[in-house]
All heavy atoms as atom14 arrays in JSON, in Angstrom:
{
  "sequence": "SPLHRAIKNDHSDVVQILLEAKIETNTLDQRQQ",
  "atom14_mask": [
    [1, 1, 1, 1, 1, 1, 0, 0, 0, 0, 0, 0, 0, 0],
    [1, 1, 1, 1, 1, 1, 1, 0, 0, 0, 0, 0, 0, 0],
    [1, 1, 1, 1, 1, 1, 1, 1, 0, 0, 0, 0, 0, 0],
    [1, 1, 1, 1, 1, 1, 1, 1, 1, 1, 0, 0, 0, 0],
    [1, 1, 1, 1, 1, 1, 1, 1, 1, 1, 1, 0, 0, 0],
    [1, 1, 1, 1, 1, 0, 0, 0, 0, 0, 0, 0, 0, 0],
    [1, 1, 1, 1, 1, 1, 1, 1, 0, 0, 0, 0, 0, 0],
    [1, 1, 1, 1, 1, 1, 1, 1, 1, 0, 0, 0, 0, 0],
    [1, 1, 1, 1, 1, 1, 1, 1, 0, 0, 0, 0, 0, 0],
    [1, 1, 1, 1, 1, 1, 1, 1, 0, 0, 0, 0, 0, 0],
    [1, 1, 1, 1, 1, 1, 1, 1, 1, 1, 0, 0, 0, 0],
    [1, 1, 1, 1, 1, 1, 0, 0, 0, 0, 0, 0, 0, 0],
    [1, 1, 1, 1, 1, 1, 1, 1, 0, 0, 0, 0, 0, 0],
    [1, 1, 1, 1, 1, 1, 1, 0, 0, 0, 0, 0, 0, 0],
    [1, 1, 1, 1, 1, 1, 1, 0, 0, 0, 0, 0, 0, 0],
    [1, 1, 1, 1, 1, 1, 1, 1, 1, 0, 0, 0, 0, 0],
    [1, 1, 1, 1, 1, 1, 1, 1, 0, 0, 0, 0, 0, 0],
    [1, 1, 1, 1, 1, 1, 1, 1, 0, 0, 0, 0, 0, 0],
    [1, 1, 1, 1, 1, 1, 1, 1, 0, 0, 0, 0, 0, 0],
    [1, 1, 1, 1, 1, 1, 1, 1, 1, 0, 0, 0, 0, 0],
    [1, 1, 1, 1, 1, 0, 0, 0, 0, 0, 0, 0, 0, 0],
    [1, 1, 1, 1, 1, 1, 1, 1, 1, 0, 0, 0, 0, 0],
    [1, 1, 1, 1, 1, 1, 1, 1, 0, 0, 0, 0, 0, 0],
    [1, 1, 1, 1, 1, 1, 1, 1, 1, 0, 0, 0, 0, 0],
    [1, 1, 1, 1, 1, 1, 1, 0, 0, 0, 0, 0, 0, 0],
    [1, 1, 1, 1, 1, 1, 1, 1, 0, 0, 0, 0, 0, 0],
    [1, 1, 1, 1, 1, 1, 1, 0, 0, 0, 0, 0, 0, 0],
    [1, 1, 1, 1, 1, 1, 1, 1, 0, 0, 0, 0, 0, 0],
    [1, 1, 1, 1, 1, 1, 1, 1, 0, 0, 0, 0, 0, 0],
    [1, 1, 1, 1, 1, 1, 1, 1, 1, 0, 0, 0, 0, 0],
    [1, 1, 1, 1, 1, 1, 1, 1, 1, 1, 1, 0, 0, 0],
    [1, 1, 1, 1, 1, 1, 1, 1, 1, 0, 0, 0, 0, 0],
    [1, 1, 1, 1, 1, 1, 1, 1, 1, 0, 0, 0, 0, 0]
  ],
  "atom14_positions": [
    [[-2.09, -13.15, -19.84], [-2.55, -14.53, -19.93], [-4.04, -14.55, -20.28], [-4.73, -13.53, -20.15], [-2.33, -15.25, -18.6], [-3.24, -14.76, -17.63], [0.0, 0.0, 0.0], [0.0, 0.0, 0.0], [0.0, 0.0, 0.0], [0.0, 0.0, 0.0], [0.0, 0.0, 0.0], [0.0, 0.0, 0.0], [0.0, 0.0, 0.0], [0.0, 0.0, 0.0]],
    [[-4.57, -15.69, -20.73], [-6.02, -15.79, -20.95], [-6.8, -15.43, -19.69], [-7.87, -14.83, -19.77], [-6.2, -17.27, -21.32], [-4.9, -17.67, -21.92], [-3.86, -16.92, -21.14], [0.0, 0.0, 0.0], [0.0, 0.0, 0.0], [0.0, 0.0, 0.0], [0.0, 0.0, 0.0], [0.0, 0.0, 0.0], [0.0, 0.0, 0.0], [0.0, 0.0, 0.0]],
    [[-6.24, -15.77, -18.53], [-6.91, -15.46, -17.26], [-6.99, -13.95, -17.05], [-8.03, -13.42, -16.64], [-6.15, -16.13, -16.12], [-6.91, -16.44, -14.83], [-8.19, -17.19, -15.1], [-6.01, -17.23, -13.89], [0.0, 0.0, 0.0], [0.0, 0.0, 0.0], [0.0, 0.0, 0.0], [0.0, 0.0, 0.0], [0.0, 0.0, 0.0], [0.0, 0.0, 0.0]],
    [[-5.9, -13.26, -17.32], [-5.91, -11.8, -17.2], [-6.99, -11.19, -18.1], [-7.73, -10.29, -17.69], [-4.55, -11.22, -17.62], [-3.47, -11.36, -16.59], [-2.56, -12.38, -16.62], [-3.16, -10.6, -15.51], [-1.72, -12.25, -15.6], [-2.05, -11.17, -14.92], [0.0, 0.0, 0.0], [0.0, 0.0, 0.0], [0.0, 0.0, 0.0], [0.0, 0.0, 0.0]],
    [[-7.05, -11.69, -19.33], [-7.99, -11.09, -20.29], [-9.44, -11.34, -19.9], [-10.29, -10.46, -20.05], [-7.7, -11.64, -21.69], [-6.32, -11.27, -22.19], [-6.18, -11.5, -23.67], [-4.82, -11.23, -24.13], [-4.48, -11.1, -25.4], [-5.4, -11.2, -26.34], [-3.24, -10.87, -25.74], [0.0, 0.0, 0.0], [0.0, 0.0, 0.0], [0.0, 0.0, 0.0]],
    [[-9.71, -12.53, -19.4], [-11.08, -12.84, -18.97], [-11.47, -12.0, -17.76], [-12.61, -11.51, -17.66], [-11.2, -14.32, -18.64], [0.0, 0.0, 0.0], [0.0, 0.0, 0.0], [0.0, 0.0, 0.0], [0.0, 0.0, 0.0], [0.0, 0.0, 0.0], [0.0, 0.0, 0.0], [0.0, 0.0, 0.0], [0.0, 0.0, 0.0], [0.0, 0.0, 0.0]],
    [[-10.53, -11.79, -16.85], [-10.8, -10.98, -15.66], [-11.03, -9.53, -16.06], [-11.99, -8.89, -15.59], [-9.63, -11.08, -14.66], [-9.58, -12.48, -14.05], [-9.75, -10.03, -13.57], [-8.32, -12.76, -13.25], [0.0, 0.0, 0.0], [0.0, 0.0, 0.0], [0.0, 0.0, 0.0], [0.0, 0.0, 0.0], [0.0, 0.0, 0.0], [0.0, 0.0, 0.0]],
    [[-10.17, -9.01, -16.92], [-10.28, -7.61, -17.33], [-11.62, -7.32, -17.98], [-12.17, -6.22, -17.83], [-9.14, -7.27, -18.29], [-9.09, -5.8, -18.67], [-7.89, -5.51, -19.55], [-7.83, -4.03, -19.92], [-6.64, -3.72, -20.76], [0.0, 0.0, 0.0], [0.0, 0.0, 0.0], [0.0, 0.0, 0.0], [0.0, 0.0, 0.0], [0.0, 0.0, 0.0]],
    [[-12.17, -8.3, -18.68], [-13.44, -8.09, -19.39], [-14.63, -8.68, -18.65], [-15.72, -8.8, -19.22], [-13.33, -8.68, -20.8], [-12.38, -7.89, -21.68], [-12.73, -6.84, -22.21], [-11.15, -8.37, -21.83], [0.0, 0.0, 0.0], [0.0, 0.0, 0.0], [0.0, 0.0, 0.0], [0.0, 0.0, 0.0], [0.0, 0.0, 0.0], [0.0, 0.0, 0.0]],
    [[-14.41, -9.06, -17.38], [-15.49, -9.5, -16.49], [-16.24, -10.73, -16.99], [-17.47, -10.81, -16.91], [-16.49, -8.34, -16.26], [-17.36, -8.58, -15.03], [-16.95, -9.35, -14.14], [-18.46, -7.99, -14.95], [0.0, 0.0, 0.0], [0.0, 0.0, 0.0], [0.0, 0.0, 0.0], [0.0, 0.0, 0.0], [0.0, 0.0, 0.0], [0.0, 0.0, 0.0]],
    [[-15.49, -11.7, -17.5], [-16.1, -12.96, -17.95], [-15.88, -14.02, -16.87], [-14.96, -14.85, -16.96], [-15.49, -13.39, -19.28], [-15.66, -12.39, -20.39], [-16.88, -11.83, -20.69], [-14.76, -11.85, -21.27], [-16.73, -10.99, -21.7], [-15.47, -10.98, -22.06], [0.0, 0.0, 0.0], [0.0, 0.0, 0.0], [0.0, 0.0, 0.0], [0.0, 0.0, 0.0]],
    [[-16.7, -13.99, -15.85], [-16.51, -14.87, -14.69], [-16.66, -16.34, -15.06], [-15.96, -17.2, -14.5], [-17.49, -14.51, -13.58], [-18.82, -14.59, -14.03], [0.0, 0.0, 0.0], [0.0, 0.0, 0.0], [0.0, 0.0, 0.0], [0.0, 0.0, 0.0], [0.0, 0.0, 0.0], [0.0, 0.0, 0.0], [0.0, 0.0, 0.0], [0.0, 0.0, 0.0]],
    [[-17.56, -16.65, -16.01], [-17.73, -18.06, -16.39], [-16.48, -18.61, -17.07], [-16.1, -19.76, -16.86], [-18.96, -18.22, -17.31], [-18.97, -17.26, -18.49], [-18.08, -16.38, -18.55], [-19.89, -17.36, -19.33], [0.0, 0.0, 0.0], [0.0, 0.0, 0.0], [0.0, 0.0, 0.0], [0.0, 0.0, 0.0], [0.0, 0.0, 0.0], [0.0, 0.0, 0.0]],
    [[-15.81, -17.77, -17.85], [-14.57, -18.18, -18.5], [-13.46, -18.35, -17.46], [-12.7, -19.32, -17.51], [-14.14, -17.16, -19.57], [-12.76, -17.49, -20.11], [-15.16, -17.13, -20.71], [0.0, 0.0, 0.0], [0.0, 0.0, 0.0], [0.0, 0.0, 0.0], [0.0, 0.0, 0.0], [0.0, 0.0, 0.0], [0.0, 0.0, 0.0], [0.0, 0.0, 0.0]],
    [[-13.4, -17.44, -16.51], [-12.41, -17.54, -15.44], [-12.58, -18.86, -14.69], [-11.61, -19.57, -14.41], [-12.53, -16.35, -14.46], [-11.67, -16.58, -13.21], [-12.11, -15.06, -15.14], [0.0, 0.0, 0.0], [0.0, 0.0, 0.0], [0.0, 0.0, 0.0], [0.0, 0.0, 0.0], [0.0, 0.0, 0.0], [0.0, 0.0, 0.0], [0.0, 0.0, 0.0]],
    [[-13.82, -19.21, -14.39], [-14.09, -20.45, -13.65], [-13.61, -21.67, -14.43], [-12.98, -22.57, -13.87], [-15.59, -20.56, -13.37], [-15.98, -21.73, -12.48], [-15.39, -21.63, -11.09], [-15.5, -20.6, -10.44], [-14.72, -22.68, -10.64], [0.0, 0.0, 0.0], [0.0, 0.0, 0.0], [0.0, 0.0, 0.0], [0.0, 0.0, 0.0], [0.0, 0.0, 0.0]],
    [[-13.89, -21.7, -15.73], [-13.48, -22.83, -16.56], [-11.95, -22.92, -16.63], [-11.38, -24.02, -16.56], [-14.08, -22.7, -17.98], [-15.59, -22.93, -17.94], [-13.43, -23.69, -18.93], [-15.99, -24.32, -17.47], [0.0, 0.0, 0.0], [0.0, 0.0, 0.0], [0.0, 0.0, 0.0], [0.0, 0.0, 0.0], [0.0, 0.0, 0.0], [0.0, 0.0, 0.0]],
    [[-11.3, -21.79, -16.78], [-9.83, -21.78, -16.84], [-9.22, -22.28, -15.54], [-8.24, -23.04, -15.55], [-9.32, -20.37, -17.16], [-9.62, -19.85, -18.57], [-9.23, -18.38, -18.69], [-8.89, -20.67, -19.63], [0.0, 0.0, 0.0], [0.0, 0.0, 0.0], [0.0, 0.0, 0.0], [0.0, 0.0, 0.0], [0.0, 0.0, 0.0], [0.0, 0.0, 0.0]],
    [[-9.8, -21.88, -14.43], [-9.29, -22.32, -13.13], [-9.52, -23.82, -12.93], [-8.67, -24.52, -12.4], [-9.94, -21.52, -12.0], [-9.56, -20.04, -11.94], [-10.36, -19.32, -10.86], [-8.07, -19.87, -11.7], [0.0, 0.0, 0.0], [0.0, 0.0, 0.0], [0.0, 0.0, 0.0], [0.0, 0.0, 0.0], [0.0, 0.0, 0.0], [0.0, 0.0, 0.0]],
    [[-10.67, -24.29, -13.38], [-10.96, -25.73, -13.27], [-9.99, -26.54, -14.13], [-9.69, -27.7, -13.82], [-12.39, -26.01, -13.7], [-13.43, -25.51, -12.7], [-14.86, -25.69, -13.2], [-15.03, -26.24, -14.31], [-15.81, -25.27, -12.5], [0.0, 0.0, 0.0], [0.0, 0.0, 0.0], [0.0, 0.0, 0.0], [0.0, 0.0, 0.0], [0.0, 0.0, 0.0]],
    [[-9.48, -25.92, -15.21], [-8.52, -26.6, -16.08], [-7.1, -26.51, -15.51], [-6.15, -26.95, -16.16], [-8.57, -25.99, -17.47], [0.0, 0.0, 0.0], [0.0, 0.0, 0.0], [0.0, 0.0, 0.0], [0.0, 0.0, 0.0], [0.0, 0.0, 0.0], [0.0, 0.0, 0.0], [0.0, 0.0, 0.0], [0.0, 0.0, 0.0], [0.0, 0.0, 0.0]],
    [[-6.97, -25.94, -14.32], [-5.67, -25.83, -13.64], [-4.69, -24.96, -14.43], [-3.48, -25.2, -14.43], [-5.05, -27.21, -13.41], [-5.95, -28.18, -12.66], [-6.32, -27.67, -11.28], [-7.2, -28.66, -10.52], [-7.64, -28.14, -9.21], [0.0, 0.0, 0.0], [0.0, 0.0, 0.0], [0.0, 0.0, 0.0], [0.0, 0.0, 0.0], [0.0, 0.0, 0.0]],
    [[-5.21, -23.94, -15.08], [-4.33, -23.01, -15.77], [-3.49, -22.26, -14.75], [-3.93, -22.03, -13.61], [-5.16, -22.04, -16.64], [-4.25, -21.29, -17.61], [-5.94, -21.06, -15.78], [-5.0, -20.49, -18.66], [0.0, 0.0, 0.0], [0.0, 0.0, 0.0], [0.0, 0.0, 0.0], [0.0, 0.0, 0.0], [0.0, 0.0, 0.0], [0.0, 0.0, 0.0]],
    [[-2.29, -21.88, -15.12], [-1.37, -21.18, -14.21], [-2.02, -19.89, -13.7], [-2.46, -19.05, -14.49], [-0.07, -20.85, -14.93], [0.9, -20.0, -14.13], [1.31, -20.63, -12.83], [1.72, -21.82, -12.84], [1.2, -19.95, -11.79], [0.0, 0.0, 0.0], [0.0, 0.0, 0.0], [0.0, 0.0, 0.0], [0.0, 0.0, 0.0], [0.0, 0.0, 0.0]],
    [[-2.09, -19.73, -12.38], [-2.78, -18.57, -11.79], [-1.85, -17.44, -11.4], [-2.32, -16.4, -10.94], [-3.58, -19.0, -10.55], [-2.67, -19.57, -9.59], [-4.65, -20.01, -10.9], [0.0, 0.0, 0.0], [0.0, 0.0, 0.0], [0.0, 0.0, 0.0], [0.0, 0.0, 0.0], [0.0, 0.0, 0.0], [0.0, 0.0, 0.0], [0.0, 0.0, 0.0]],
    [[-0.55, -17.64, -11.57], [0.39, -16.64, -11.06], [1.23, -15.99, -12.15], [2.27, -15.41, -11.87], [1.3, -17.28, -10.02], [0.51, -17.83, -8.84], [-0.35, -17.14, -8.29], [0.78, -19.07, -8.47], [0.0, 0.0, 0.0], [0.0, 0.0, 0.0], [0.0, 0.0, 0.0], [0.0, 0.0, 0.0], [0.0, 0.0, 0.0], [0.0, 0.0, 0.0]],
    [[0.78, -16.09, -13.4], [1.5, -15.44, -14.49], [1.4, -13.93, -14.33], [0.46, -13.4, -13.72], [0.93, -15.84, -15.85], [-0.48, -15.56, -15.87], [1.14, -17.32, -16.12], [0.0, 0.0, 0.0], [0.0, 0.0, 0.0], [0.0, 0.0, 0.0], [0.0, 0.0, 0.0], [0.0, 0.0, 0.0], [0.0, 0.0, 0.0], [0.0, 0.0, 0.0]],
    [[2.37, -13.23, -14.91], [2.42, -11.78, -14.81], [2.04, -11.13, -16.13], [2.42, -11.61, -17.2], [3.83, -11.33, -14.41], [4.38, -11.9, -13.1], [5.81, -11.41, -12.87], [3.49, -11.53, -11.92], [0.0, 0.0, 0.0], [0.0, 0.0, 0.0], [0.0, 0.0, 0.0], [0.0, 0.0, 0.0], [0.0, 0.0, 0.0], [0.0, 0.0, 0.0]],
    [[1.27, -10.05, -16.06], [0.92, -9.32, -17.28], [1.99, -8.26, -17.54], [3.04, -8.23, -16.91], [-0.48, -8.72, -17.17], [-0.59, -7.67, -16.05], [0.46, -7.27, -15.49], [-1.72, -7.26, -15.74], [0.0, 0.0, 0.0], [0.0, 0.0, 0.0], [0.0, 0.0, 0.0], [0.0, 0.0, 0.0], [0.0, 0.0, 0.0], [0.0, 0.0, 0.0]],
    [[1.72, -7.36, -18.49], [2.72, -6.36, -18.87], [2.97, -5.35, -17.77], [3.98, -4.63, -17.79], [2.3, -5.65, -20.15], [0.9, -5.07, -20.12], [0.41, -4.68, -21.5], [1.18, -4.6, -22.44], [-0.87, -4.45, -21.64], [0.0, 0.0, 0.0], [0.0, 0.0, 0.0], [0.0, 0.0, 0.0], [0.0, 0.0, 0.0], [0.0, 0.0, 0.0]],
    [[2.07, -5.29, -16.78], [2.29, -4.44, -15.61], [2.89, -5.22, -14.45], [2.98, -4.73, -13.35], [0.97, -3.81, -15.18], [0.32, -2.9, -16.21], [-1.08, -2.51, -15.8], [-1.11, -1.81, -14.52], [-2.22, -1.56, -13.83], [-3.39, -1.98, -14.3], [-2.17, -0.91, -12.69], [0.0, 0.0, 0.0], [0.0, 0.0, 0.0], [0.0, 0.0, 0.0]],
    [[3.28, -6.47, -14.77], [3.86, -7.37, -13.77], [2.88, -7.69, -12.65], [3.26, -7.9, -11.5], [5.15, -6.75, -13.19], [6.28, -6.58, -14.19], [6.76, -7.94, -14.74], [7.25, -8.77, -14.0], [6.6, -8.13, -16.04], [0.0, 0.0, 0.0], [0.0, 0.0, 0.0], [0.0, 0.0, 0.0], [0.0, 0.0, 0.0], [0.0, 0.0, 0.0]],
    [[1.6, -7.72, -13.01], [0.56, -8.07, -12.04], [0.06, -9.48, -12.29], [-0.08, -9.91, -13.44], [-0.61, -7.09, -12.12], [-0.31, -5.7, -11.6], [-1.58, -4.87, -11.5], [-2.52, -5.03, -12.27], [-1.61, -3.97, -10.54], [0.0, 0.0, 0.0], [0.0, 0.0, 0.0], [0.0, 0.0, 0.0], [0.0, 0.0, 0.0], [0.0, 0.0, 0.0]]
  ]
}
């Protein structure tokens, strides 16, 4: 998910904006995380 990618690359400001937009926080990546 966009959230996974922002976290993996340490973009905290992007993570904050995505969370404020109520993006789904429980999606699974290819490792099912």
